[in-house]
Amino acid sequence: MDERLLEITNYIYANYKDVTLDDLSEKFFLSKPYLSKYIREKSGMTFGDILKKIRMKKARAMLKGSSATVESIAESVGYQNVEHFNRVFKKMYNITPVQYRNRK
């Protein structure tokens, strides 16, 4: 991973709740199309895929480590719509957030 991609990824990690491609392009002084292509070529993933992966990882940790509701966890990782959060989580892990939390 090159240094610029590492900086970009770290920025996404630090701001995963509400970061957008617009934010990144302003922060790193790159056009959105170039930045999007750059991220995909260097990481093999799209900006959206990276963001989703980070958000789901954070959500999994919160599901196991807290008694917060699925709704509040969804919101705290950047999803305004809990149904959408549930769909994304289930698609990624083949299990719902509630099933994941209740798993031993």
PDB file of N, CA and C in Angstrom:
ATOM      1  N   MET A   1       0.856  -1.186   0.000  1.00  0.00           N
ATOM      2  CA  MET A   1       0.000   0.000   0.000  1.00  0.00           C
ATOM      3  C   MET A   1       0.897   1.242   0.000  1.00  0.00           C
ATOM      4  N   ASP A   2       0.625   2.158  -0.903  1.00  0.00           N
ATOM      5  CA  ASP A   2       1.474   3.349  -0.932  1.00  0.00           C
ATOM      6  C   ASP A   2       1.051   4.370   0.131  1.00  0.00           C
ATOM      7  N   GLU A   3       1.908   5.349   0.326  1.00  0.00           N
ATOM      8  CA  GLU A   3       1.712   6.290   1.438  1.00  0.00           C
ATOM      9  C   GLU A   3       0.427   7.109   1.300  1.00  0.00           C
ATOM     10  N   ARG A   4       0.133   7.551   0.083  1.00  0.00           N
ATOM     11  CA  ARG A   4      -1.078   8.355  -0.124  1.00  0.00           C
ATOM     12  C   ARG A   4      -2.323   7.520   0.172  1.00  0.00           C
ATOM     13  N   LEU A   5      -2.338   6.285  -0.295  1.00  0.00           N
ATOM     14  CA  LEU A   5      -3.496   5.422  -0.032  1.00  0.00           C
ATOM     15  C   LEU A   5      -3.635   5.169   1.465  1.00  0.00           C
ATOM     16  N   LEU A   6      -2.523   5.014   2.143  1.00  0.00           N
ATOM     17  CA  LEU A   6      -2.549   4.815   3.595  1.00  0.00           C
ATOM     18  C   LEU A   6      -3.158   6.034   4.290  1.00  0.00           C
ATOM     19  N   GLU A   7      -2.764   7.227   3.850  1.00  0.00           N
ATOM     20  CA  GLU A   7      -3.328   8.458   4.413  1.00  0.00           C
ATOM     21  C   GLU A   7      -4.833   8.540   4.159  1.00  0.00           C
ATOM     22  N   ILE A   8      -5.231   8.207   2.944  1.00  0.00           N
ATOM     23  CA  ILE A   8      -6.647   8.242   2.581  1.00  0.00           C
ATOM     24  C   ILE A   8      -7.430   7.250   3.432  1.00  0.00           C
ATOM     25  N   THR A   9      -6.911   6.036   3.547  1.00  0.00           N
ATOM     26  CA  THR A   9      -7.581   4.995   4.337  1.00  0.00           C
ATOM     27  C   THR A   9      -7.670   5.397   5.803  1.00  0.00           C
ATOM     28  N   ASN A  10      -6.592   5.959   6.330  1.00  0.00           N
ATOM     29  CA  ASN A  10      -6.617   6.419   7.728  1.00  0.00           C
ATOM     30  C   ASN A  10      -7.656   7.518   7.938  1.00  0.00           C
ATOM     31  N   TYR A  11      -7.775   8.390   6.951  1.00  0.00           N
ATOM     32  CA  TYR A  11      -8.771   9.462   7.043  1.00  0.00           C
ATOM     33  C   TYR A  11     -10.189   8.874   7.044  1.00  0.00           C
ATOM     34  N   ILE A  12     -10.417   7.879   6.193  1.00  0.00           N
ATOM     35  CA  ILE A  12     -11.728   7.223   6.157  1.00  0.00           C
ATOM     36  C   ILE A  12     -12.000   6.567   7.511  1.00  0.00           C
ATOM     37  N   TYR A  13     -11.009   5.866   8.067  1.00  0.00           N
ATOM     38  CA  TYR A  13     -11.156   5.231   9.387  1.00  0.00           C
ATOM     39  C   TYR A  13     -11.516   6.246  10.460  1.00  0.00           C
ATOM     40  N   ALA A  14     -10.839   7.388  10.436  1.00  0.00           N
ATOM     41  CA  ALA A  14     -11.054   8.404  11.468  1.00  0.00           C
ATOM     42  C   ALA A  14     -12.401   9.103  11.321  1.00  0.00           C
ATOM     43  N   ASN A  15     -12.956   9.117  10.114  1.00  0.00           N
ATOM     44  CA  ASN A  15     -14.189   9.869   9.853  1.00  0.00           C
ATOM     45  C   ASN A  15     -15.286   9.007   9.232  1.00  0.00           C
ATOM     46  N   TYR A  16     -15.255   7.701   9.520  1.00  0.00           N
ATOM     47  CA  TYR A  16     -16.153   6.747   8.858  1.00  0.00           C
ATOM     48  C   TYR A  16     -17.632   7.071   9.011  1.00  0.00           C
ATOM     49  N   LYS A  17     -17.986   7.756  10.080  1.00  0.00           N
ATOM     50  CA  LYS A  17     -19.405   8.002  10.318  1.00  0.00           C
ATOM     51  C   LYS A  17     -20.036   8.880   9.244  1.00  0.00           C
ATOM     52  N   ASP A  18     -19.301   9.892   8.781  1.00  0.00           N
ATOM     53  CA  ASP A  18     -19.933  10.812   7.829  1.00  0.00           C
ATOM     54  C   ASP A  18     -19.024  11.263   6.685  1.00  0.00           C
ATOM     55  N   VAL A  19     -17.939  10.532   6.429  1.00  0.00           N
ATOM     56  CA  VAL A  19     -17.033  10.912   5.342  1.00  0.00           C
ATOM     57  C   VAL A  19     -17.693  10.662   3.975  1.00  0.00           C
ATOM     58  N   THR A  20     -17.412  11.546   3.031  1.00  0.00           N
ATOM     59  CA  THR A  20     -17.898  11.370   1.663  1.00  0.00           C
ATOM     60  C   THR A  20     -16.716  11.490   0.704  1.00  0.00           C
ATOM     61  N   LEU A  21     -16.950  11.079  -0.521  1.00  0.00           N
ATOM     62  CA  LEU A  21     -15.915  11.224  -1.545  1.00  0.00           C
ATOM     63  C   LEU A  21     -15.596  12.703  -1.764  1.00  0.00           C
ATOM     64  N   ASP A  22     -16.612  13.559  -1.620  1.00  0.00           N
ATOM     65  CA  ASP A  22     -16.386  15.006  -1.711  1.00  0.00           C
ATOM     66  C   ASP A  22     -15.389  15.475  -0.647  1.00  0.00           C
ATOM     67  N   ASP A  23     -15.600  15.004   0.591  1.00  0.00           N
ATOM     68  CA  ASP A  23     -14.685  15.366   1.686  1.00  0.00           C
ATOM     69  C   ASP A  23     -13.258  14.958   1.353  1.00  0.00           C
ATOM     70  N   LEU A  24     -13.116  13.722   0.878  1.00  0.00           N
ATOM     71  CA  LEU A  24     -11.781  13.214   0.558  1.00  0.00           C
ATOM     72  C   LEU A  24     -11.125  14.008  -0.556  1.00  0.00           C
ATOM     73  N   SER A  25     -11.897  14.324  -1.587  1.00  0.00           N
ATOM     74  CA  SER A  25     -11.305  15.040  -2.720  1.00  0.00           C
ATOM     75  C   SER A  25     -10.834  16.433  -2.293  1.00  0.00           C
ATOM     76  N   GLU A  26     -11.588  17.068  -1.393  1.00  0.00           N
ATOM     77  CA  GLU A  26     -11.155  18.372  -0.865  1.00  0.00           C
ATOM     78  C   GLU A  26      -9.916  18.239   0.012  1.00  0.00           C
ATOM     79  N   LYS A  27      -9.931  17.262   0.892  1.00  0.00           N
ATOM     80  CA  LYS A  27      -8.826  17.071   1.839  1.00  0.00           C
ATOM     81  C   LYS A  27      -7.514  16.763   1.126  1.00  0.00           C
ATOM     82  N   PHE A  28      -7.588  15.923   0.065  1.00  0.00           N
ATOM     83  CA  PHE A  28      -6.367  15.487  -0.607  1.00  0.00           C
ATOM     84  C   PHE A  28      -6.121  16.220  -1.931  1.00  0.00           C
ATOM     85  N   PHE A  29      -6.912  17.244  -2.198  1.00  0.00           N
ATOM     86  CA  PHE A  29      -6.741  18.082  -3.400  1.00  0.00           C
ATOM     87  C   PHE A  29      -6.719  17.258  -4.690  1.00  0.00           C
ATOM     88  N   LEU A  30      -7.667  16.319  -4.787  1.00  0.00           N
ATOM     89  CA  LEU A  30      -7.783  15.485  -5.973  1.00  0.00           C
ATOM     90  C   LEU A  30      -9.224  15.564  -6.476  1.00  0.00           C
ATOM     91  N   SER A  31      -9.408  15.427  -7.780  1.00  0.00           N
ATOM     92  CA  SER A  31     -10.777  15.429  -8.296  1.00  0.00           C
ATOM     93  C   SER A  31     -11.473  14.133  -7.872  1.00  0.00           C
ATOM     94  N   LYS A  32     -12.794  14.191  -7.755  1.00  0.00           N
ATOM     95  CA  LYS A  32     -13.537  12.990  -7.357  1.00  0.00           C
ATOM     96  C   LYS A  32     -13.312  11.820  -8.321  1.00  0.00           C
ATOM     97  N   PRO A  33     -13.406  12.052  -9.645  1.00  0.00           N
ATOM     98  CA  PRO A  33     -13.193  10.909 -10.554  1.00  0.00           C
ATOM     99  C   PRO A  33     -11.788  10.300 -10.414  1.00  0.00           C
ATOM    100  N   TYR A  34     -10.778  11.174 -10.300  1.00  0.00           N
ATOM    101  CA  TYR A  34      -9.408  10.662 -10.156  1.00  0.00           C
ATOM    102  C   TYR A  34      -9.256   9.903  -8.844  1.00  0.00           C
ATOM    103  N   LEU A  35      -9.761  10.480  -7.759  1.00  0.00           N
ATOM    104  CA  LEU A  35      -9.657   9.863  -6.444  1.00  0.00           C
ATOM    105  C   LEU A  35     -10.346   8.503  -6.420  1.00  0.00           C
ATOM    106  N   SER A  36     -11.514   8.446  -6.993  1.00  0.00           N
ATOM    107  CA  SER A  36     -12.282   7.213  -7.044  1.00  0.00           C
ATOM    108  C   SER A  36     -11.505   6.121  -7.790  1.00  0.00           C
ATOM    109  N   LYS A  37     -10.955   6.495  -8.937  1.00  0.00           N
ATOM    110  CA  LYS A  37     -10.173   5.557  -9.754  1.00  0.00           C
ATOM    111  C   LYS A  37      -8.899   5.147  -9.021  1.00  0.00           C
ATOM    112  N   TYR A  38      -8.254   6.114  -8.389  1.00  0.00           N
ATOM    113  CA  TYR A  38      -7.015   5.865  -7.652  1.00  0.00           C
ATOM    114  C   TYR A  38      -7.246   4.848  -6.527  1.00  0.00           C
ATOM    115  N   ILE A  39      -8.290   5.063  -5.752  1.00  0.00           N
ATOM    116  CA  ILE A  39      -8.602   4.152  -4.642  1.00  0.00           C
ATOM    117  C   ILE A  39      -8.866   2.751  -5.172  1.00  0.00           C
ATOM    118  N   ARG A  40      -9.656   2.651  -6.240  1.00  0.00           N
ATOM    119  CA  ARG A  40      -9.997   1.338  -6.795  1.00  0.00           C
ATOM    120  C   ARG A  40      -8.758   0.636  -7.355  1.00  0.00           C
ATOM    121  N   GLU A  41      -7.906   1.378  -8.059  1.00  0.00           N
ATOM    122  CA  GLU A  41      -6.713   0.761  -8.645  1.00  0.00           C
ATOM    123  C   GLU A  41      -5.713   0.323  -7.586  1.00  0.00           C
ATOM    124  N   LYS A  42      -5.526   1.133  -6.556  1.00  0.00           N
ATOM    125  CA  LYS A  42      -4.511   0.832  -5.543  1.00  0.00           C
ATOM    126  C   LYS A  42      -4.971  -0.177  -4.494  1.00  0.00           C
ATOM    127  N   SER A  43      -6.269  -0.188  -4.185  1.00  0.00           N
ATOM    128  CA  SER A  43      -6.742  -1.067  -3.112  1.00  0.00           C
ATOM    129  C   SER A  43      -7.563  -2.249  -3.622  1.00  0.00           C
ATOM    130  N   GLY A  44      -8.035  -2.167  -4.856  1.00  0.00           N
ATOM    131  CA  GLY A  44      -8.891  -3.227  -5.374  1.00  0.00           C
ATOM    132  C   GLY A  44     -10.329  -3.110  -4.886  1.00  0.00           C
ATOM    133  N   MET A  45     -10.616  -2.034  -4.153  1.00  0.00           N
ATOM    134  CA  MET A  45     -11.961  -1.808  -3.623  1.00  0.00           C
ATOM    135  C   MET A  45     -12.396  -0.387  -3.953  1.00  0.00           C
ATOM    136  N   THR A  46     -13.706  -0.184  -4.022  1.00  0.00           N
ATOM    137  CA  THR A  46     -14.212   1.172  -4.239  1.00  0.00           C
ATOM    138  C   THR A  46     -14.232   1.914  -2.905  1.00  0.00           C
ATOM    139  N   PHE A  47     -14.378   3.232  -2.965  1.00  0.00           N
ATOM    140  CA  PHE A  47     -14.518   4.035  -1.751  1.00  0.00           C
ATOM    141  C   PHE A  47     -15.680   3.500  -0.915  1.00  0.00           C
ATOM    142  N   GLY A  48     -16.808   3.242  -1.584  1.00  0.00           N
ATOM    143  CA  GLY A  48     -17.992   2.735  -0.883  1.00  0.00           C
ATOM    144  C   GLY A  48     -17.747   1.398  -0.205  1.00  0.00           C
ATOM    145  N   ASP A  49     -16.998   0.510  -0.872  1.00  0.00           N
ATOM    146  CA  ASP A  49     -16.684  -0.798  -0.282  1.00  0.00           C
ATOM    147  C   ASP A  49     -15.819  -0.658   0.965  1.00  0.00           C
ATOM    148  N   ILE A  50     -14.821   0.224   0.881  1.00  0.00           N
ATOM    149  CA  ILE A  50     -13.931   0.447   2.029  1.00  0.00           C
ATOM    150  C   ILE A  50     -14.732   1.010   3.203  1.00  0.00           C
ATOM    151  N   LEU A  51     -15.568   1.992   2.911  1.00  0.00           N
ATOM    152  CA  LEU A  51     -16.375   2.622   3.949  1.00  0.00           C
ATOM    153  C   LEU A  51     -17.325   1.602   4.595  1.00  0.00           C
ATOM    154  N   LYS A  52     -17.969   0.798   3.767  1.00  0.00           N
ATOM    155  CA  LYS A  52     -18.894  -0.219   4.274  1.00  0.00           C
ATOM    156  C   LYS A  52     -18.161  -1.229   5.157  1.00  0.00           C
ATOM    157  N   LYS A  53     -16.990  -1.656   4.722  1.00  0.00           N
ATOM    158  CA  LYS A  53     -16.207  -2.626   5.485  1.00  0.00           C
ATOM    159  C   LYS A  53     -15.844  -2.066   6.863  1.00  0.00           C
ATOM    160  N   ILE A  54     -15.401  -0.812   6.898  1.00  0.00           N
ATOM    161  CA  ILE A  54     -15.042  -0.163   8.166  1.00  0.00           C
ATOM    162  C   ILE A  54     -16.265  -0.044   9.067  1.00  0.00           C
ATOM    163  N   ARG A  55     -17.377   0.429   8.501  1.00  0.00           N
ATOM    164  CA  ARG A  55     -18.592   0.610   9.300  1.00  0.00           C
ATOM    165  C   ARG A  55     -19.100  -0.719   9.863  1.00  0.00           C
ATOM    166  N   MET A  56     -19.061  -1.768   9.051  1.00  0.00           N
ATOM    167  CA  MET A  56     -19.551  -3.072   9.512  1.00  0.00           C
ATOM    168  C   MET A  56     -18.632  -3.656  10.586  1.00  0.00           C
ATOM    169  N   LYS A  57     -17.331  -3.441  10.443  1.00  0.00           N
ATOM    170  CA  LYS A  57     -16.388  -3.918  11.452  1.00  0.00           C
ATOM    171  C   LYS A  57     -16.657  -3.228  12.792  1.00  0.00           C
ATOM    172  N   LYS A  58     -16.873  -1.913  12.747  1.00  0.00           N
ATOM    173  CA  LYS A  58     -17.182  -1.154  13.966  1.00  0.00           C
ATOM    174  C   LYS A  58     -18.508  -1.642  14.559  1.00  0.00           C
ATOM    175  N   ALA A  59     -19.484  -1.874  13.699  1.00  0.00           N
ATOM    176  CA  ALA A  59     -20.803  -2.330  14.161  1.00  0.00           C
ATOM    177  C   ALA A  59     -20.704  -3.693  14.839  1.00  0.00           C
ATOM    178  N   ARG A  60     -19.919  -4.588  14.266  1.00  0.00           N
ATOM    179  CA  ARG A  60     -19.742  -5.919  14.873  1.00  0.00           C
ATOM    180  C   ARG A  60     -19.156  -5.802  16.270  1.00  0.00           C
ATOM    181  N   ALA A  61     -18.137  -4.958  16.417  1.00  0.00           N
ATOM    182  CA  ALA A  61     -17.511  -4.776  17.730  1.00  0.00           C
ATOM    183  C   ALA A  61     -18.526  -4.215  18.726  1.00  0.00           C
ATOM    184  N   MET A  62     -19.347  -3.263  18.268  1.00  0.00           N
ATOM    185  CA  MET A  62     -20.350  -2.669  19.158  1.00  0.00           C
ATOM    186  C   MET A  62     -21.451  -3.664  19.513  1.00  0.00           C
ATOM    187  N   LEU A  63     -21.832  -4.514  18.570  1.00  0.00           N
ATOM    188  CA  LEU A  63     -22.861  -5.515  18.850  1.00  0.00           C
ATOM    189  C   LEU A  63     -22.392  -6.486  19.929  1.00  0.00           C
ATOM    190  N   LYS A  64     -21.117  -6.859  19.878  1.00  0.00           N
ATOM    191  CA  LYS A  64     -20.582  -7.796  20.866  1.00  0.00           C
ATOM    192  C   LYS A  64     -20.226  -7.108  22.181  1.00  0.00           C
ATOM    193  N   GLY A  65     -19.801  -5.843  22.097  1.00  0.00           N
ATOM    194  CA  GLY A  65     -19.249  -5.197  23.278  1.00  0.00           C
ATOM    195  C   GLY A  65     -20.165  -4.239  24.009  1.00  0.00           C
ATOM    196  N   SER A  66     -21.408  -4.103  23.548  1.00  0.00           N
ATOM    197  CA  SER A  66     -22.308  -3.187  24.243  1.00  0.00           C
ATOM    198  C   SER A  66     -23.734  -3.716  24.193  1.00  0.00           C
ATOM    199  N   SER A  67     -24.591  -3.099  24.978  1.00  0.00           N
ATOM    200  CA  SER A  67     -25.999  -3.503  24.964  1.00  0.00           C
ATOM    201  C   SER A  67     -26.835  -2.458  24.230  1.00  0.00           C
ATOM    202  N   ALA A  68     -26.181  -1.597  23.469  1.00  0.00           N
ATOM    203  CA  ALA A  68     -26.896  -0.565  22.700  1.00  0.00           C
ATOM    204  C   ALA A  68     -27.824  -1.236  21.690  1.00  0.00           C
ATOM    205  N   THR A  69     -28.903  -0.561  21.356  1.00  0.00           N
ATOM    206  CA  THR A  69     -29.846  -1.119  20.395  1.00  0.00           C
ATOM    207  C   THR A  69     -29.219  -1.152  19.004  1.00  0.00           C
ATOM    208  N   VAL A  70     -29.743  -2.026  18.166  1.00  0.00           N
ATOM    209  CA  VAL A  70     -29.269  -2.106  16.783  1.00  0.00           C
ATOM    210  C   VAL A  70     -29.473  -0.755  16.101  1.00  0.00           C
ATOM    211  N   GLU A  71     -30.580  -0.098  16.397  1.00  0.00           N
ATOM    212  CA  GLU A  71     -30.856   1.219  15.814  1.00  0.00           C
ATOM    213  C   GLU A  71     -29.767   2.225  16.172  1.00  0.00           C
ATOM    214  N   SER A  72     -29.392   2.265  17.461  1.00  0.00           N
ATOM    215  CA  SER A  72     -28.382   3.248  17.864  1.00  0.00           C
ATOM    216  C   SER A  72     -27.003   2.886  17.320  1.00  0.00           C
ATOM    217  N   ILE A  73     -26.714   1.602  17.203  1.00  0.00           N
ATOM    218  CA  ILE A  73     -25.439   1.178  16.608  1.00  0.00           C
ATOM    219  C   ILE A  73     -25.408   1.570  15.137  1.00  0.00           C
ATOM    220  N   ALA A  74     -26.499   1.307  14.435  1.00  0.00           N
ATOM    221  CA  ALA A  74     -26.581   1.671  13.009  1.00  0.00           C
ATOM    222  C   ALA A  74     -26.305   3.158  12.843  1.00  0.00           C
ATOM    223  N   GLU A  75     -26.950   3.956  13.668  1.00  0.00           N
ATOM    224  CA  GLU A  75     -26.769   5.405  13.580  1.00  0.00           C
ATOM    225  C   GLU A  75     -25.342   5.814  13.936  1.00  0.00           C
ATOM    226  N   SER A  76     -24.772   5.186  14.941  1.00  0.00           N
ATOM    227  CA  SER A  76     -23.435   5.589  15.374  1.00  0.00           C
ATOM    228  C   SER A  76     -22.340   5.202  14.379  1.00  0.00           C
ATOM    229  N   VAL A  77     -22.615   4.254  13.476  1.00  0.00           N
ATOM    230  CA  VAL A  77     -21.619   3.933  12.445  1.00  0.00           C
ATOM    231  C   VAL A  77     -21.946   4.596  11.109  1.00  0.00           C
ATOM    232  N   GLY A  78     -22.980   5.446  11.093  1.00  0.00           N
ATOM    233  CA  GLY A  78     -23.230   6.250   9.901  1.00  0.00           C
ATOM    234  C   GLY A  78     -24.425   5.877   9.053  1.00  0.00           C
ATOM    235  N   TYR A  79     -25.271   4.985   9.539  1.00  0.00           N
ATOM    236  CA  TYR A  79     -26.472   4.614   8.782  1.00  0.00           C
ATOM    237  C   TYR A  79     -27.689   5.292   9.396  1.00  0.00           C
ATOM    238  N   GLN A  80     -28.394   6.087   8.597  1.00  0.00           N
ATOM    239  CA  GLN A  80     -29.588   6.774   9.087  1.00  0.00           C
ATOM    240  C   GLN A  80     -30.787   5.821   9.119  1.00  0.00           C
ATOM    241  N   ASN A  81     -30.757   4.815   8.251  1.00  0.00           N
ATOM    242  CA  ASN A  81     -31.879   3.905   8.096  1.00  0.00           C
ATOM    243  C   ASN A  81     -31.491   2.523   8.618  1.00  0.00           C
ATOM    244  N   VAL A  82     -32.150   2.064   9.676  1.00  0.00           N
ATOM    245  CA  VAL A  82     -31.780   0.802  10.306  1.00  0.00           C
ATOM    246  C   VAL A  82     -32.079  -0.400   9.400  1.00  0.00           C
ATOM    247  N   GLU A  83     -33.129  -0.298   8.569  1.00  0.00           N
ATOM    248  CA  GLU A  83     -33.431  -1.405   7.651  1.00  0.00           C
ATOM    249  C   GLU A  83     -32.295  -1.575   6.641  1.00  0.00           C
ATOM    250  N   HIS A  84     -31.793  -0.462   6.148  1.00  0.00           N
ATOM    251  CA  HIS A  84     -30.674  -0.519   5.209  1.00  0.00           C
ATOM    252  C   HIS A  84     -29.438  -1.121   5.900  1.00  0.00           C
ATOM    253  N   PHE A  85     -29.177  -0.678   7.118  1.00  0.00           N
ATOM    254  CA  PHE A  85     -28.065  -1.227   7.899  1.00  0.00           C
ATOM    255  C   PHE A  85     -28.210  -2.743   8.040  1.00  0.00           C
ATOM    256  N   ASN A  86     -29.413  -3.195   8.398  1.00  0.00           N
ATOM    257  CA  ASN A  86     -29.660  -4.632   8.555  1.00  0.00           C
ATOM    258  C   ASN A  86     -29.390  -5.398   7.260  1.00  0.00           C
ATOM    259  N   ARG A  87     -29.853  -4.829   6.128  1.00  0.00           N
ATOM    260  CA  ARG A  87     -29.638  -5.487   4.821  1.00  0.00           C
ATOM    261  C   ARG A  87     -28.155  -5.593   4.493  1.00  0.00           C
ATOM    262  N   VAL A  88     -27.422  -4.491   4.695  1.00  0.00           N
ATOM    263  CA  VAL A  88     -25.987  -4.477   4.390  1.00  0.00           C
ATOM    264  C   VAL A  88     -25.254  -5.474   5.288  1.00  0.00           C
ATOM    265  N   PHE A  89     -25.578  -5.480   6.569  1.00  0.00           N
ATOM    266  CA  PHE A  89     -24.935  -6.386   7.528  1.00  0.00           C
ATOM    267  C   PHE A  89     -25.202  -7.837   7.135  1.00  0.00           C
ATOM    268  N   LYS A  90     -26.466  -8.139   6.832  1.00  0.00           N
ATOM    269  CA  LYS A  90     -26.824  -9.513   6.481  1.00  0.00           C
ATOM    270  C   LYS A  90     -26.149  -9.946   5.181  1.00  0.00           C
ATOM    271  N   LYS A  91     -26.087  -9.046   4.219  1.00  0.00           N
ATOM    272  CA  LYS A  91     -25.438  -9.373   2.946  1.00  0.00           C
ATOM    273  C   LYS A  91     -23.951  -9.652   3.158  1.00  0.00           C
ATOM    274  N   MET A  92     -23.328  -8.897   4.045  1.00  0.00           N
ATOM    275  CA  MET A  92     -21.889  -9.045   4.276  1.00  0.00           C
ATOM    276  C   MET A  92     -21.550 -10.282   5.107  1.00  0.00           C
ATOM    277  N   TYR A  93     -22.379 -10.594   6.108  1.00  0.00           N
ATOM    278  CA  TYR A  93     -22.035 -11.665   7.050  1.00  0.00           C
ATOM    279  C   TYR A  93     -23.003 -12.857   7.042  1.00  0.00           C
ATOM    280  N   ASN A  94     -24.023 -12.811   6.191  1.00  0.00           N
ATOM    281  CA  ASN A  94     -25.033 -13.885   6.115  1.00  0.00           C
ATOM    282  C   ASN A  94     -25.731 -14.144   7.445  1.00  0.00           C
ATOM    283  N   ILE A  95     -25.875 -13.100   8.231  1.00  0.00           N
ATOM    284  CA  ILE A  95     -26.533 -13.199   9.534  1.00  0.00           C
ATOM    285  C   ILE A  95     -27.003 -11.789   9.910  1.00  0.00           C
ATOM    286  N   THR A  96     -28.131 -11.690  10.585  1.00  0.00           N
ATOM    287  CA  THR A  96     -28.623 -10.359  10.959  1.00  0.00           C
ATOM    288  C   THR A  96     -27.820  -9.841  12.157  1.00  0.00           C
ATOM    289  N   PRO A  97     -27.851  -8.529  12.383  1.00  0.00           N
ATOM    290  CA  PRO A  97     -27.141  -7.990  13.555  1.00  0.00           C
ATOM    291  C   PRO A  97     -27.606  -8.615  14.877  1.00  0.00           C
ATOM    292  N   VAL A  98     -28.897  -8.838  15.018  1.00  0.00           N
ATOM    293  CA  VAL A  98     -29.420  -9.428  16.262  1.00  0.00           C
ATOM    294  C   VAL A  98     -28.924 -10.866  16.409  1.00  0.00           C
ATOM    295  N   GLN A  99     -28.943 -11.632  15.318  1.00  0.00           N
ATOM    296  CA  GLN A  99     -28.423 -13.001  15.366  1.00  0.00           C
ATOM    297  C   GLN A  99     -26.940 -13.001  15.713  1.00  0.00           C
ATOM    298  N   TYR A 100     -26.208 -12.045  15.145  1.00  0.00           N
ATOM    299  CA  TYR A 100     -24.768 -11.943  15.431  1.00  0.00           C
ATOM    300  C   TYR A 100     -24.537 -11.672  16.914  1.00  0.00           C
ATOM    301  N   ARG A 101     -25.302 -10.739  17.471  1.00  0.00           N
ATOM    302  CA  ARG A 101     -25.147 -10.397  18.882  1.00  0.00           C
ATOM    303  C   ARG A 101     -25.456 -11.589  19.773  1.00  0.00           C
ATOM    304  N   ASN A 102     -26.472 -12.382  19.416  1.00  0.00           N
ATOM    305  CA  ASN A 102     -26.904 -13.488  20.267  1.00  0.00           C
ATOM    306  C   ASN A 102     -26.077 -14.759  20.091  1.00  0.00           C
ATOM    307  N   ARG A 103     -25.222 -14.762  19.090  1.00  0.00           N
ATOM    308  CA  ARG A 103     -24.365 -15.910  18.837  1.00  0.00           C
ATOM    309  C   ARG A 103     -23.309 -16.030  19.925  1.00  0.00           C
ATOM    310  N   LYS A 104     -23.000 -17.239  20.306  1.00  0.00           N
ATOM    311  CA  LYS A 104     -21.968 -17.448  21.344  1.00  0.00           C
ATOM    312  C   LYS A 104     -20.605 -17.635  20.707  1.00  0.00           C
TER     313      LYS A 104
END
